[in-house]
Amino acid sequence: MSNVFDVVLLVALPASGKSEVRNFMANMDAKRLQDDFHIGANLQLDDFPYVHMMRRIDEELQARGHARIYYPGEEPFADARDWGTLIQLLNEDYHDLYNRVVVKPESAALYLFDRIDRASLASGLEARLGKLDESVRKEIAQALEKEAQAMLDEKHAQYEGSYEGKTLVVECARGGPEGSQMPLPDPYGYQYTLRQFSPEILERAAILYIWVTPEESRRKNEARANPDDPGSNLFHGVPLAVMLGDYGTDDMEYLREGSEMENTITVQAHGKTYHLPIGVFDNRVDKTSFLRADKAEWDEELVKEVTEAIQQATDTMWANYKK
């Protein structure tokens, strides 16, 4: 029997430390990662590359005098149901990963456009890229081909001969408008997002939640932002309007306090009730920013502090995890 989590949902507000924790795990000895944290060799999914590509699509459309599709500008989604679009894309990535689905399209960008449209339809939206004039669609695809091919290559590179002893880490950030009352209305927050994950993910998942305040999230977002590297997991910045409109509050503590079972999140989805084990890494006082530096520069005392904090969280998750 494996002693590692099959799937860990690594969730938090932006700049809370998710990518830093992921970087920490990637630099840890494999045996210690498994023995101390119940996390096997990492496979990783993240919805941020899709957010980035949606913004890139809009930029290319606007540069050619066409209307933007996903974002009015440096603001939140034009239609918040696209939070569901992102999860549908992750569901497909999960299926492709464990079934080792390899595709070799003539155009990686056009293939990505079709995937985004399918995910949009599953979230109650229109297939908006498919409605573009064909010449415009192909022109935008040509501009984004290199980036789309890199995404597809990275996806294929994770396929393994065996997934025994591996842990899939799925990263995403969710929240709601500043000043919102609980429960957050659909399609905002984790209450909505967790319901969108496929049964295959929900049946195997535990949640590692990194807790920071929205104010601390905004501070760290500003501190990490590198305008020369907007597609980077570690250094991308989220526009202030989005930080306030989409991440001004967070419903995970509300869901944890209202769960049917202690140290779990109750999820009603697909005609079933799931109780996802949750562990909380309290990062309200910043423990992780140093992890953005090269490993050789990491302070031993800070490493010890973050190790103990993560281990406490993963021990709580494991105590409620059903294999």
C-alpha atoms as a PDB file:
ATOM      1  CA  MET A   1       0.000   0.000   0.000  1.00  0.00           C
ATOM      2  CA  SER A   2       1.394   3.399  -1.006  1.00  0.00           C
ATOM      3  CA  ASN A   3       2.117   5.849   1.798  1.00  0.00           C
ATOM      4  CA  VAL A   4       1.751   8.977  -0.346  1.00  0.00           C
ATOM      5  CA  PHE A   5      -1.153  11.158  -1.410  1.00  0.00           C
ATOM      6  CA  ASP A   6      -2.394  10.466  -4.917  1.00  0.00           C
ATOM      7  CA  VAL A   7      -3.549  14.059  -5.513  1.00  0.00           C
ATOM      8  CA  VAL A   8      -2.835  17.213  -3.503  1.00  0.00           C
ATOM      9  CA  LEU A   9      -4.824  20.352  -4.312  1.00  0.00           C
ATOM     10  CA  LEU A  10      -2.397  23.157  -3.446  1.00  0.00           C
ATOM     11  CA  VAL A  11      -4.603  26.202  -3.005  1.00  0.00           C
ATOM     12  CA  ALA A  12      -4.355  29.755  -1.677  1.00  0.00           C
ATOM     13  CA  LEU A  13      -4.705  33.395  -2.641  1.00  0.00           C
ATOM     14  CA  PRO A  14      -2.151  34.667  -5.194  1.00  0.00           C
ATOM     15  CA  ALA A  15       1.416  35.108  -3.956  1.00  0.00           C
ATOM     16  CA  SER A  16       0.587  33.217  -0.759  1.00  0.00           C
ATOM     17  CA  GLY A  17       3.472  30.809  -1.217  1.00  0.00           C
ATOM     18  CA  LYS A  18       2.040  28.026  -3.419  1.00  0.00           C
ATOM     19  CA  SER A  19       4.753  28.165  -6.059  1.00  0.00           C
ATOM     20  CA  GLU A  20       7.435  28.614  -3.405  1.00  0.00           C
ATOM     21  CA  VAL A  21       6.202  25.486  -1.585  1.00  0.00           C
ATOM     22  CA  ARG A  22       6.178  23.623  -4.892  1.00  0.00           C
ATOM     23  CA  ASN A  23       9.758  24.776  -5.530  1.00  0.00           C
ATOM     24  CA  PHE A  24      10.694  23.668  -2.005  1.00  0.00           C
ATOM     25  CA  MET A  25       9.311  20.186  -2.653  1.00  0.00           C
ATOM     26  CA  ALA A  26      11.105  19.954  -5.991  1.00  0.00           C
ATOM     27  CA  ASN A  27      14.416  20.575  -4.207  1.00  0.00           C
ATOM     28  CA  MET A  28      13.839  18.103  -1.357  1.00  0.00           C
ATOM     29  CA  ASP A  29      15.308  14.617  -1.130  1.00  0.00           C
ATOM     30  CA  ALA A  30      12.696  12.203  -2.508  1.00  0.00           C
ATOM     31  CA  LYS A  31      12.793   9.806   0.450  1.00  0.00           C
ATOM     32  CA  ARG A  32      12.414  12.591   2.982  1.00  0.00           C
ATOM     33  CA  LEU A  33       9.565  14.120   0.988  1.00  0.00           C
ATOM     34  CA  GLN A  34       7.753  10.792   1.105  1.00  0.00           C
ATOM     35  CA  ASP A  35       8.566   9.904   4.716  1.00  0.00           C
ATOM     36  CA  ASP A  36       7.912  13.339   6.240  1.00  0.00           C
ATOM     37  CA  PHE A  37       5.131  14.709   4.042  1.00  0.00           C
ATOM     38  CA  HIS A  38       3.510  11.643   2.378  1.00  0.00           C
ATOM     39  CA  ILE A  39       4.243  13.245  -0.968  1.00  0.00           C
ATOM     40  CA  GLY A  40       5.800  11.195  -3.722  1.00  0.00           C
ATOM     41  CA  ALA A  41       7.762  12.327  -6.745  1.00  0.00           C
ATOM     42  CA  ASN A  42       5.773  15.259  -8.064  1.00  0.00           C
ATOM     43  CA  LEU A  43       3.603  15.484 -11.123  1.00  0.00           C
ATOM     44  CA  GLN A  44       2.144  18.959 -11.487  1.00  0.00           C
ATOM     45  CA  LEU A  45      -0.874  20.710 -12.956  1.00  0.00           C
ATOM     46  CA  ASP A  46      -1.575  24.435 -12.673  1.00  0.00           C
ATOM     47  CA  ASP A  47      -4.294  26.608 -14.160  1.00  0.00           C
ATOM     48  CA  PHE A  48      -2.084  29.720 -14.316  1.00  0.00           C
ATOM     49  CA  PRO A  49      -0.638  28.891 -17.775  1.00  0.00           C
ATOM     50  CA  TYR A  50      -4.200  28.925 -19.128  1.00  0.00           C
ATOM     51  CA  VAL A  51      -4.889  32.289 -17.481  1.00  0.00           C
ATOM     52  CA  HIS A  52      -1.704  33.598 -19.077  1.00  0.00           C
ATOM     53  CA  MET A  53      -2.665  32.250 -22.506  1.00  0.00           C
ATOM     54  CA  MET A  54      -6.167  33.748 -22.284  1.00  0.00           C
ATOM     55  CA  ARG A  55      -4.565  37.133 -21.635  1.00  0.00           C
ATOM     56  CA  ARG A  56      -2.136  36.562 -24.510  1.00  0.00           C
ATOM     57  CA  ILE A  57      -5.037  35.744 -26.851  1.00  0.00           C
ATOM     58  CA  ASP A  58      -6.732  38.994 -25.832  1.00  0.00           C
ATOM     59  CA  GLU A  59      -3.526  40.961 -26.345  1.00  0.00           C
ATOM     60  CA  GLU A  60      -3.086  39.574 -29.844  1.00  0.00           C
ATOM     61  CA  LEU A  61      -6.712  40.294 -30.714  1.00  0.00           C
ATOM     62  CA  GLN A  62      -6.521  43.857 -29.406  1.00  0.00           C
ATOM     63  CA  ALA A  63      -3.256  44.504 -31.244  1.00  0.00           C
ATOM     64  CA  ARG A  64      -5.088  43.702 -34.482  1.00  0.00           C
ATOM     65  CA  GLY A  65      -8.077  45.912 -33.698  1.00  0.00           C
ATOM     66  CA  HIS A  66     -10.430  43.144 -32.573  1.00  0.00           C
ATOM     67  CA  ALA A  67     -12.497  42.891 -29.398  1.00  0.00           C
ATOM     68  CA  ARG A  68     -10.998  41.116 -26.419  1.00  0.00           C
ATOM     69  CA  ILE A  69     -12.695  37.849 -25.355  1.00  0.00           C
ATOM     70  CA  TYR A  70     -11.720  36.952 -21.805  1.00  0.00           C
ATOM     71  CA  TYR A  71     -10.537  40.090 -20.021  1.00  0.00           C
ATOM     72  CA  PRO A  72     -11.645  43.728 -20.587  1.00  0.00           C
ATOM     73  CA  GLY A  73      -8.059  44.730 -19.799  1.00  0.00           C
ATOM     74  CA  GLU A  74      -6.232  44.579 -16.473  1.00  0.00           C
ATOM     75  CA  GLU A  75      -9.536  43.623 -14.804  1.00  0.00           C
ATOM     76  CA  PRO A  76     -11.182  40.345 -13.738  1.00  0.00           C
ATOM     77  CA  PHE A  77     -12.758  37.931 -16.228  1.00  0.00           C
ATOM     78  CA  ALA A  78     -15.448  39.496 -18.401  1.00  0.00           C
ATOM     79  CA  ASP A  79     -17.561  36.446 -17.454  1.00  0.00           C
ATOM     80  CA  ALA A  80     -16.672  34.888 -14.100  1.00  0.00           C
ATOM     81  CA  ARG A  81     -17.842  31.480 -15.307  1.00  0.00           C
ATOM     82  CA  ASP A  82     -14.410  31.186 -16.875  1.00  0.00           C
ATOM     83  CA  TRP A  83     -13.223  30.109 -13.419  1.00  0.00           C
ATOM     84  CA  GLY A  84     -15.033  26.898 -14.341  1.00  0.00           C
ATOM     85  CA  THR A  85     -13.371  26.875 -17.767  1.00  0.00           C
ATOM     86  CA  LEU A  86      -9.992  26.673 -16.048  1.00  0.00           C
ATOM     87  CA  ILE A  87     -11.017  23.652 -13.958  1.00  0.00           C
ATOM     88  CA  GLN A  88     -12.434  21.862 -16.985  1.00  0.00           C
ATOM     89  CA  LEU A  89      -9.036  22.278 -18.638  1.00  0.00           C
ATOM     90  CA  LEU A  90      -7.343  20.792 -15.568  1.00  0.00           C
ATOM     91  CA  ASN A  91      -9.806  17.882 -15.605  1.00  0.00           C
ATOM     92  CA  GLU A  92      -8.806  17.158 -19.196  1.00  0.00           C
ATOM     93  CA  ASP A  93      -5.124  17.421 -18.295  1.00  0.00           C
ATOM     94  CA  TYR A  94      -5.687  14.923 -15.472  1.00  0.00           C
ATOM     95  CA  HIS A  95      -7.394  12.477 -17.836  1.00  0.00           C
ATOM     96  CA  ASP A  96      -4.668  12.872 -20.452  1.00  0.00           C
ATOM     97  CA  LEU A  97      -1.906  12.448 -17.885  1.00  0.00           C
ATOM     98  CA  TYR A  98      -3.145   9.170 -16.416  1.00  0.00           C
ATOM     99  CA  ASN A  99      -4.158   7.800 -19.816  1.00  0.00           C
ATOM    100  CA  ARG A 100      -0.932   9.045 -21.452  1.00  0.00           C
ATOM    101  CA  VAL A 101      -2.800  10.789 -24.253  1.00  0.00           C
ATOM    102  CA  VAL A 102      -0.254  12.127 -26.737  1.00  0.00           C
ATOM    103  CA  VAL A 103      -1.421  14.452 -29.508  1.00  0.00           C
ATOM    104  CA  LYS A 104       0.600  15.844 -32.389  1.00  0.00           C
ATOM    105  CA  PRO A 105      -1.564  18.558 -33.923  1.00  0.00           C
ATOM    106  CA  GLU A 106      -0.519  20.543 -36.976  1.00  0.00           C
ATOM    107  CA  SER A 107      -0.964  23.633 -34.806  1.00  0.00           C
ATOM    108  CA  ALA A 108      -0.576  23.466 -31.022  1.00  0.00           C
ATOM    109  CA  ALA A 109      -2.240  26.871 -30.726  1.00  0.00           C
ATOM    110  CA  LEU A 110      -5.351  25.874 -32.702  1.00  0.00           C
ATOM    111  CA  TYR A 111      -5.510  22.675 -30.650  1.00  0.00           C
ATOM    112  CA  LEU A 112      -5.369  24.778 -27.472  1.00  0.00           C
ATOM    113  CA  PHE A 113      -8.111  27.067 -28.828  1.00  0.00           C
ATOM    114  CA  ASP A 114     -10.360  24.044 -29.363  1.00  0.00           C
ATOM    115  CA  ARG A 115      -9.649  22.805 -25.839  1.00  0.00           C
ATOM    116  CA  ILE A 116     -10.500  26.192 -24.322  1.00  0.00           C
ATOM    117  CA  ASP A 117     -13.757  26.294 -26.289  1.00  0.00           C
ATOM    118  CA  ARG A 118     -14.747  22.797 -25.112  1.00  0.00           C
ATOM    119  CA  ALA A 119     -13.989  23.764 -21.522  1.00  0.00           C
ATOM    120  CA  SER A 120     -16.010  26.964 -21.937  1.00  0.00           C
ATOM    121  CA  LEU A 121     -19.019  25.028 -23.204  1.00  0.00           C
ATOM    122  CA  ALA A 122     -18.798  22.703 -20.193  1.00  0.00           C
ATOM    123  CA  SER A 123     -18.959  25.807 -17.969  1.00  0.00           C
ATOM    124  CA  GLY A 124     -22.084  27.192 -19.636  1.00  0.00           C
ATOM    125  CA  LEU A 125     -20.314  29.635 -21.935  1.00  0.00           C
ATOM    126  CA  GLU A 126     -20.045  29.951 -25.693  1.00  0.00           C
ATOM    127  CA  ALA A 127     -17.203  28.559 -27.802  1.00  0.00           C
ATOM    128  CA  ARG A 128     -15.899  32.068 -28.315  1.00  0.00           C
ATOM    129  CA  LEU A 129     -12.678  31.333 -30.186  1.00  0.00           C
ATOM    130  CA  GLY A 130     -14.623  29.241 -32.666  1.00  0.00           C
ATOM    131  CA  LYS A 131     -16.755  32.276 -33.525  1.00  0.00           C
ATOM    132  CA  LEU A 132     -13.759  34.301 -34.714  1.00  0.00           C
ATOM    133  CA  ASP A 133     -13.268  34.846 -38.412  1.00  0.00           C
ATOM    134  CA  GLU A 134     -11.133  31.936 -39.599  1.00  0.00           C
ATOM    135  CA  SER A 135      -8.373  34.179 -40.930  1.00  0.00           C
ATOM    136  CA  VAL A 136      -8.178  36.041 -37.611  1.00  0.00           C
ATOM    137  CA  ARG A 137      -8.172  32.793 -35.656  1.00  0.00           C
ATOM    138  CA  LYS A 138      -5.275  31.441 -37.699  1.00  0.00           C
ATOM    139  CA  GLU A 139      -3.345  34.697 -37.426  1.00  0.00           C
ATOM    140  CA  ILE A 140      -3.677  34.716 -33.641  1.00  0.00           C
ATOM    141  CA  ALA A 141      -2.706  31.057 -33.525  1.00  0.00           C
ATOM    142  CA  GLN A 142       0.434  31.728 -35.546  1.00  0.00           C
ATOM    143  CA  ALA A 143       1.463  34.464 -33.103  1.00  0.00           C
ATOM    144  CA  LEU A 144       0.986  32.120 -30.135  1.00  0.00           C
ATOM    145  CA  GLU A 145       2.229  28.876 -31.686  1.00  0.00           C
ATOM    146  CA  LYS A 146       5.593  28.801 -29.933  1.00  0.00           C
ATOM    147  CA  GLU A 147       4.063  29.330 -26.480  1.00  0.00           C
ATOM    148  CA  ALA A 148       1.288  26.811 -27.098  1.00  0.00           C
ATOM    149  CA  GLN A 149       3.739  24.175 -28.325  1.00  0.00           C
ATOM    150  CA  ALA A 150       5.880  24.673 -25.217  1.00  0.00           C
ATOM    151  CA  MET A 151       2.813  24.086 -23.031  1.00  0.00           C
ATOM    152  CA  LEU A 152       1.960  20.903 -24.915  1.00  0.00           C
ATOM    153  CA  ASP A 153       5.545  19.619 -24.755  1.00  0.00           C
ATOM    154  CA  GLU A 154       5.657  20.257 -21.011  1.00  0.00           C
ATOM    155  CA  LYS A 155       2.401  18.346 -20.580  1.00  0.00           C
ATOM    156  CA  HIS A 156       3.663  15.323 -22.532  1.00  0.00           C
ATOM    157  CA  ALA A 157       6.986  15.353 -20.668  1.00  0.00           C
ATOM    158  CA  GLN A 158       5.227  14.434 -17.417  1.00  0.00           C
ATOM    159  CA  TYR A 159       3.827  11.136 -18.706  1.00  0.00           C
ATOM    160  CA  GLU A 160       5.305   8.262 -16.725  1.00  0.00           C
ATOM    161  CA  GLY A 161       5.654   4.521 -17.296  1.00  0.00           C
ATOM    162  CA  SER A 162       4.196   3.989 -13.818  1.00  0.00           C
ATOM    163  CA  TYR A 163       2.449   6.407 -11.478  1.00  0.00           C
ATOM    164  CA  GLU A 164       2.943   4.211  -8.413  1.00  0.00           C
ATOM    165  CA  GLY A 165       4.353   6.275  -5.563  1.00  0.00           C
ATOM    166  CA  LYS A 166       3.792   9.553  -7.432  1.00  0.00           C
ATOM    167  CA  THR A 167       1.788  12.530  -6.156  1.00  0.00           C
ATOM    168  CA  LEU A 168      -0.024  14.879  -8.504  1.00  0.00           C
ATOM    169  CA  VAL A 169       0.050  18.452  -7.193  1.00  0.00           C
ATOM    170  CA  VAL A 170      -2.729  20.613  -8.649  1.00  0.00           C
ATOM    171  CA  GLU A 171      -2.273  24.334  -8.025  1.00  0.00           C
ATOM    172  CA  CYS A 172      -4.905  27.041  -8.239  1.00  0.00           C
ATOM    173  CA  ALA A 173      -5.968  30.275  -6.514  1.00  0.00           C
ATOM    174  CA  ARG A 174      -9.556  31.322  -5.859  1.00  0.00           C
ATOM    175  CA  GLY A 175     -11.435  34.008  -3.941  1.00  0.00           C
ATOM    176  CA  GLY A 176     -14.118  36.632  -4.289  1.00  0.00           C
ATOM    177  CA  PRO A 177     -14.630  40.407  -4.460  1.00  0.00           C
ATOM    178  CA  GLU A 178     -13.413  42.492  -1.535  1.00  0.00           C
ATOM    179  CA  GLY A 179     -16.171  42.956   1.058  1.00  0.00           C
ATOM    180  CA  SER A 180     -18.166  39.878  -0.008  1.00  0.00           C
ATOM    181  CA  GLN A 181     -20.253  38.024   2.544  1.00  0.00           C
ATOM    182  CA  MET A 182     -20.117  34.252   2.972  1.00  0.00           C
ATOM    183  CA  PRO A 183     -21.012  32.025   1.291  1.00  0.00           C
ATOM    184  CA  LEU A 184     -19.487  33.401  -1.881  1.00  0.00           C
ATOM    185  CA  PRO A 185     -21.907  33.172  -4.810  1.00  0.00           C
ATOM    186  CA  ASP A 186     -21.118  30.931  -7.776  1.00  0.00           C
ATOM    187  CA  PRO A 187     -18.826  30.995  -9.680  1.00  0.00           C
ATOM    188  CA  TYR A 188     -16.508  32.525  -7.070  1.00  0.00           C
ATOM    189  CA  GLY A 189     -14.453  30.846  -4.383  1.00  0.00           C
ATOM    190  CA  TYR A 190     -13.546  27.287  -3.519  1.00  0.00           C
ATOM    191  CA  GLN A 191     -17.120  26.173  -2.839  1.00  0.00           C
ATOM    192  CA  TYR A 192     -17.799  26.530  -6.583  1.00  0.00           C
ATOM    193  CA  THR A 193     -14.380  25.483  -7.855  1.00  0.00           C
ATOM    194  CA  LEU A 194     -14.106  22.247  -5.872  1.00  0.00           C
ATOM    195  CA  ARG A 195     -17.462  21.111  -7.294  1.00  0.00           C
ATOM    196  CA  GLN A 196     -16.070  21.480 -10.820  1.00  0.00           C
ATOM    197  CA  PHE A 197     -13.288  18.939 -10.362  1.00  0.00           C
ATOM    198  CA  SER A 198     -13.960  15.538 -11.887  1.00  0.00           C
ATOM    199  CA  PRO A 199     -15.013  12.605  -9.669  1.00  0.00           C
ATOM    200  CA  GLU A 200     -11.666  10.952 -10.436  1.00  0.00           C
ATOM    201  CA  ILE A 201      -9.830  13.873  -8.838  1.00  0.00           C
ATOM    202  CA  LEU A 202     -12.195  14.347  -5.894  1.00  0.00           C
ATOM    203  CA  GLU A 203     -12.009  10.663  -4.964  1.00  0.00           C
ATOM    204  CA  ARG A 204      -8.207  10.821  -4.651  1.00  0.00           C
ATOM    205  CA  ALA A 205      -7.562  14.370  -3.422  1.00  0.00           C
ATOM    206  CA  ALA A 206      -6.490  16.082  -0.230  1.00  0.00           C
ATOM    207  CA  ILE A 207      -6.132  19.846   0.182  1.00  0.00           C
ATOM    208  CA  LEU A 208      -3.001  21.698   1.292  1.00  0.00           C
ATOM    209  CA  TYR A 209      -4.193  25.233   1.990  1.00  0.00           C
ATOM    210  CA  ILE A 210      -1.738  28.077   2.465  1.00  0.00           C
ATOM    211  CA  TRP A 211      -3.375  30.690   4.655  1.00  0.00           C
ATOM    212  CA  VAL A 212      -2.619  34.377   4.216  1.00  0.00           C
ATOM    213  CA  THR A 213      -4.796  37.454   4.522  1.00  0.00           C
ATOM    214  CA  PRO A 214      -5.902  39.268   1.353  1.00  0.00           C
ATOM    215  CA  GLU A 215      -3.770  42.223   2.478  1.00  0.00           C
ATOM    216  CA  GLU A 216      -0.664  40.023   2.773  1.00  0.00           C
ATOM    217  CA  SER A 217      -1.495  38.440  -0.580  1.00  0.00           C
ATOM    218  CA  ARG A 218      -1.517  41.870  -2.219  1.00  0.00           C
ATOM    219  CA  ARG A 219       1.755  42.864  -0.537  1.00  0.00           C
ATOM    220  CA  LYS A 220       3.539  39.711  -1.674  1.00  0.00           C
ATOM    221  CA  ASN A 221       2.042  39.938  -5.150  1.00  0.00           C
ATOM    222  CA  GLU A 222       3.535  43.395  -5.581  1.00  0.00           C
ATOM    223  CA  ALA A 223       6.868  42.287  -4.156  1.00  0.00           C
ATOM    224  CA  ARG A 224       7.269  39.275  -6.448  1.00  0.00           C
ATOM    225  CA  ALA A 225       6.009  40.805  -9.710  1.00  0.00           C
ATOM    226  CA  ASN A 226       8.531  40.852 -12.538  1.00  0.00           C
ATOM    227  CA  PRO A 227       7.049  42.610 -15.592  1.00  0.00           C
ATOM    228  CA  ASP A 228       9.726  41.009 -17.762  1.00  0.00           C
ATOM    229  CA  ASP A 229       8.549  37.494 -16.851  1.00  0.00           C
ATOM    230  CA  PRO A 230       4.710  37.578 -16.853  1.00  0.00           C
ATOM    231  CA  GLY A 231       4.354  33.863 -17.608  1.00  0.00           C
ATOM    232  CA  SER A 232       6.484  32.718 -14.665  1.00  0.00           C
ATOM    233  CA  ASN A 233       4.897  30.792 -11.794  1.00  0.00           C
ATOM    234  CA  LEU A 234       7.315  32.307  -9.290  1.00  0.00           C
ATOM    235  CA  PHE A 235       7.446  35.890 -10.556  1.00  0.00           C
ATOM    236  CA  HIS A 236       4.186  36.780 -12.309  1.00  0.00           C
ATOM    237  CA  GLY A 237       2.136  39.675 -10.963  1.00  0.00           C
ATOM    238  CA  VAL A 238      -1.663  39.879 -10.747  1.00  0.00           C
ATOM    239  CA  PRO A 239      -3.219  43.292 -11.603  1.00  0.00           C
ATOM    240  CA  LEU A 240      -4.536  45.206  -8.580  1.00  0.00           C
ATOM    241  CA  ALA A 241      -8.095  45.297  -9.968  1.00  0.00           C
ATOM    242  CA  VAL A 242      -8.038  41.493 -10.114  1.00  0.00           C
ATOM    243  CA  MET A 243      -6.557  41.222  -6.621  1.00  0.00           C
ATOM    244  CA  LEU A 244      -9.481  43.281  -5.282  1.00  0.00           C
ATOM    245  CA  GLY A 245     -12.204  41.926  -7.546  1.00  0.00           C
ATOM    246  CA  ASP A 246     -11.343  38.223  -7.551  1.00  0.00           C
ATOM    247  CA  TYR A 247      -9.106  37.758  -4.520  1.00  0.00           C
ATOM    248  CA  GLY A 248     -10.350  40.391  -2.070  1.00  0.00           C
ATOM    249  CA  THR A 249     -11.644  37.646   0.191  1.00  0.00           C
ATOM    250  CA  ASP A 250     -11.233  33.886   0.598  1.00  0.00           C
ATOM    251  CA  ASP A 251     -13.865  31.308   1.584  1.00  0.00           C
ATOM    252  CA  MET A 252     -11.669  28.350   2.619  1.00  0.00           C
ATOM    253  CA  GLU A 253     -11.864  29.047   6.366  1.00  0.00           C
ATOM    254  CA  TYR A 254     -15.636  29.444   6.020  1.00  0.00           C
ATOM    255  CA  LEU A 255     -15.846  26.044   4.311  1.00  0.00           C
ATOM    256  CA  ARG A 256     -13.531  24.420   6.839  1.00  0.00           C
ATOM    257  CA  GLU A 257     -15.571  25.662   9.787  1.00  0.00           C
ATOM    258  CA  GLY A 258     -18.821  24.494   8.160  1.00  0.00           C
ATOM    259  CA  SER A 259     -17.637  21.053   7.058  1.00  0.00           C
ATOM    260  CA  GLU A 260     -19.474  17.921   8.169  1.00  0.00           C
ATOM    261  CA  MET A 261     -16.200  16.367   9.374  1.00  0.00           C
ATOM    262  CA  GLU A 262     -13.327  18.015  11.235  1.00  0.00           C
ATOM    263  CA  ASN A 263     -10.232  18.789   9.167  1.00  0.00           C
ATOM    264  CA  THR A 264     -12.056  18.168   5.891  1.00  0.00           C
ATOM    265  CA  ILE A 265     -13.928  20.204   3.303  1.00  0.00           C
ATOM    266  CA  THR A 266     -17.379  18.873   2.399  1.00  0.00           C
ATOM    267  CA  VAL A 267     -17.977  18.928  -1.352  1.00  0.00           C
ATOM    268  CA  GLN A 268     -21.356  18.137  -2.880  1.00  0.00           C
ATOM    269  CA  ALA A 269     -20.721  17.212  -6.514  1.00  0.00           C
ATOM    270  CA  HIS A 270     -21.664  14.675  -9.161  1.00  0.00           C
ATOM    271  CA  GLY A 271     -24.491  13.334  -7.013  1.00  0.00           C
ATOM    272  CA  LYS A 272     -22.109  12.426  -4.185  1.00  0.00           C
ATOM    273  CA  THR A 273     -20.679  13.886  -0.983  1.00  0.00           C
ATOM    274  CA  TYR A 274     -16.906  14.062  -0.711  1.00  0.00           C
ATOM    275  CA  HIS A 275     -14.958  14.885   2.441  1.00  0.00           C
ATOM    276  CA  LEU A 276     -11.575  16.154   1.276  1.00  0.00           C
ATOM    277  CA  PRO A 277      -8.913  16.113   4.008  1.00  0.00           C
ATOM    278  CA  ILE A 278      -7.372  19.533   4.540  1.00  0.00           C
ATOM    279  CA  GLY A 279      -4.180  20.718   6.173  1.00  0.00           C
ATOM    280  CA  VAL A 280      -3.456  24.397   6.787  1.00  0.00           C
ATOM    281  CA  PHE A 281      -0.019  25.943   6.397  1.00  0.00           C
ATOM    282  CA  ASP A 282      -0.285  29.265   8.229  1.00  0.00           C
ATOM    283  CA  ASN A 283       1.787  31.718   6.184  1.00  0.00           C
ATOM    284  CA  ARG A 284       0.167  34.918   7.457  1.00  0.00           C
ATOM    285  CA  VAL A 285       3.607  35.807   8.743  1.00  0.00           C
ATOM    286  CA  ASP A 286       5.717  35.186   5.640  1.00  0.00           C
ATOM    287  CA  LYS A 287       7.753  31.971   5.820  1.00  0.00           C
ATOM    288  CA  THR A 288       8.235  31.270   2.114  1.00  0.00           C
ATOM    289  CA  SER A 289       9.493  34.247   0.100  1.00  0.00           C
ATOM    290  CA  PHE A 290      13.117  33.180   0.593  1.00  0.00           C
ATOM    291  CA  LEU A 291      12.328  30.026  -1.425  1.00  0.00           C
ATOM    292  CA  ARG A 292      12.244  32.087  -4.633  1.00  0.00           C
ATOM    293  CA  ALA A 293      16.034  32.396  -4.415  1.00  0.00           C
ATOM    294  CA  ASP A 294      18.512  29.765  -5.540  1.00  0.00           C
ATOM    295  CA  LYS A 295      18.631  26.787  -3.160  1.00  0.00           C
ATOM    296  CA  ALA A 296      22.255  27.553  -2.312  1.00  0.00           C
ATOM    297  CA  GLU A 297      21.080  30.814  -0.727  1.00  0.00           C
ATOM    298  CA  TRP A 298      18.381  29.276   1.526  1.00  0.00           C
ATOM    299  CA  ASP A 299      18.824  29.967   5.238  1.00  0.00           C
ATOM    300  CA  GLU A 300      18.888  26.747   7.307  1.00  0.00           C
ATOM    301  CA  GLU A 301      16.735  28.130  10.106  1.00  0.00           C
ATOM    302  CA  LEU A 302      14.106  29.330   7.638  1.00  0.00           C
ATOM    303  CA  VAL A 303      14.161  25.929   5.933  1.00  0.00           C
ATOM    304  CA  LYS A 304      13.583  24.251   9.290  1.00  0.00           C
ATOM    305  CA  GLU A 305      10.668  26.569  10.071  1.00  0.00           C
ATOM    306  CA  VAL A 306       8.918  25.991   6.746  1.00  0.00           C
ATOM    307  CA  THR A 307       9.558  22.236   6.933  1.00  0.00           C
ATOM    308  CA  GLU A 308       7.875  21.982  10.329  1.00  0.00           C
ATOM    309  CA  ALA A 309       4.911  24.072   9.197  1.00  0.00           C
ATOM    310  CA  ILE A 310       4.299  21.998   6.068  1.00  0.00           C
ATOM    311  CA  GLN A 311       4.750  18.730   7.943  1.00  0.00           C
ATOM    312  CA  GLN A 312       2.150  19.729  10.526  1.00  0.00           C
ATOM    313  CA  ALA A 313      -0.300  20.428   7.700  1.00  0.00           C
ATOM    314  CA  THR A 314       0.396  17.224   5.759  1.00  0.00           C
ATOM    315  CA  ASP A 315       0.180  15.103   8.939  1.00  0.00           C
ATOM    316  CA  THR A 316      -3.329  16.480   9.482  1.00  0.00           C
ATOM    317  CA  MET A 317      -4.231  15.695   5.872  1.00  0.00           C
ATOM    318  CA  TRP A 318      -2.860  12.152   6.092  1.00  0.00           C
ATOM    319  CA  ALA A 319      -4.786  11.395   9.293  1.00  0.00           C
ATOM    320  CA  ASN A 320      -8.032  11.770   7.333  1.00  0.00           C
ATOM    321  CA  TYR A 321      -6.897  10.411   3.969  1.00  0.00           C
ATOM    322  CA  LYS A 322      -8.561   7.239   2.675  1.00  0.00           C
ATOM    323  CA  LYS A 323      -6.499   5.240   0.220  1.00  0.00           C
END
